[in-house]
Amino acid sequence: MFRKFTVLSALAAALMSGAAAIAGGLPQEIRFGDVGFGFGKPFGVGLLAIADAKGFIAEEFKGTGVKLDWTYFTGTGPAINEAFANGQVDFASYGAVPNIVGAANGLDTVIVASTQGTNIFAVARTGSGIESLADLKGKRVALQKATIIHWAALEALRHAGLSEKDITLIDLKNADQLAAISAGSVDAVFGADFLLPLEQKGVAKVVFSSARDDREVSGFGGFLVSRQFRDAYPEATQKVVDGYVRAAAWLADPANREEAFRIWNRAGTPVDLIRRSNADTDFRQAYDPRLDAVFEQRFASALAFTRAQKLTRKTLDLAAWADGRFLAKSLEDEGLAAVWPDRPATGTN
């Protein structure tokens, strides 16, 4: 369960985190947070990791004396919420569900760009007779509740004509999911690419991939900044968003695909597994940074999910929470708006 944050604690942390300014109205240091994986020194597997590894954001601050600090949290979303609450990060990229839970419980954050989460997979136990999501009716299905994967699974089931009432949903963490399907105590699992090796071992088969079968339910989230930092350092905020957008444009180019896999490999996932996980992923679409109609539709769906699952009680105003000014300026100044085609909301979420 996500830790609750109060407005008071968030404001107190914000006061403690105020960084001294250097000449030109820039902070001495900017601290970034992202979801991390791997042992020793974790690394990321998303767009912010690309911006870090390729130096896109660092280039924006070249010669200014501003220090950039990068932390990849293996505790994922809840750990990043805690870091925001304690004034330990200024910017972070992570999933929509913890984004929402944090903001609804007092974190004073602002969404400045969209970000991609993870491709969602469903695997079914070998010999179960399950060939598609429609075959899950009456089956035992494992996933980790209160996560973006939980949201994605319910949406994918709905698109397949099923509801949560049609299955027996079992709440398990990743390692327990692998053990459960290997032992035959569940029929299927919704999760990320850690499930893919089960197919090679003959334990299970992939019956659903969001990138291949239903892109609308791929994981997603936001690139957030603390409101205090945005208000105190608008120039620095603009530079960060400029670098973030240039990273997204770099990743959108198919010529950079294999290099991206090698960068994400720093998180400990084999390149071959990253390649298989993204076999059907169009990075231009998947890592579209815009706060457009599709972004609004998906966040509205996630907001409804958090209320239905009783993760939040407060209703957030997405229009007040998101600030697209920096992104719009980046797209115009960098001449990158044409990289991402218009994508009207589908109305299916």
Foldseek 3Di string as FASTA:
>chain_A
DADFAAQVLLVVLQVVQDADADPPLHGQEAEEEEAFFAPDATADQWLVLLLVVVVLLVVLCPPVNRYYHYHHDPVALSVVLVCSSNNNHFKYFHFLLSVVLSVLRNNQKFFAWKIFDAKKWKKFFPPPPDQALLVQFAFEEEDAPSGLQNLLVQLVNVVVVHHPVRHHYDHDDDVVVVVCLQVPVGGMYMDGLVCVVCVVVNGIGINDICLPPNVLSGTMHGIMGRPSCCVSRVPSVLSNLLSSVVSLLQQQDPVCPLVSLVSNCSNVDDSVSVCVRCVSPRSLVNGHTDCDQSVVVSSVSSQVVCVVVVSHDDRDDNVVRYDHPSVVVSCVVVVPPVSHDDDHHDPSD
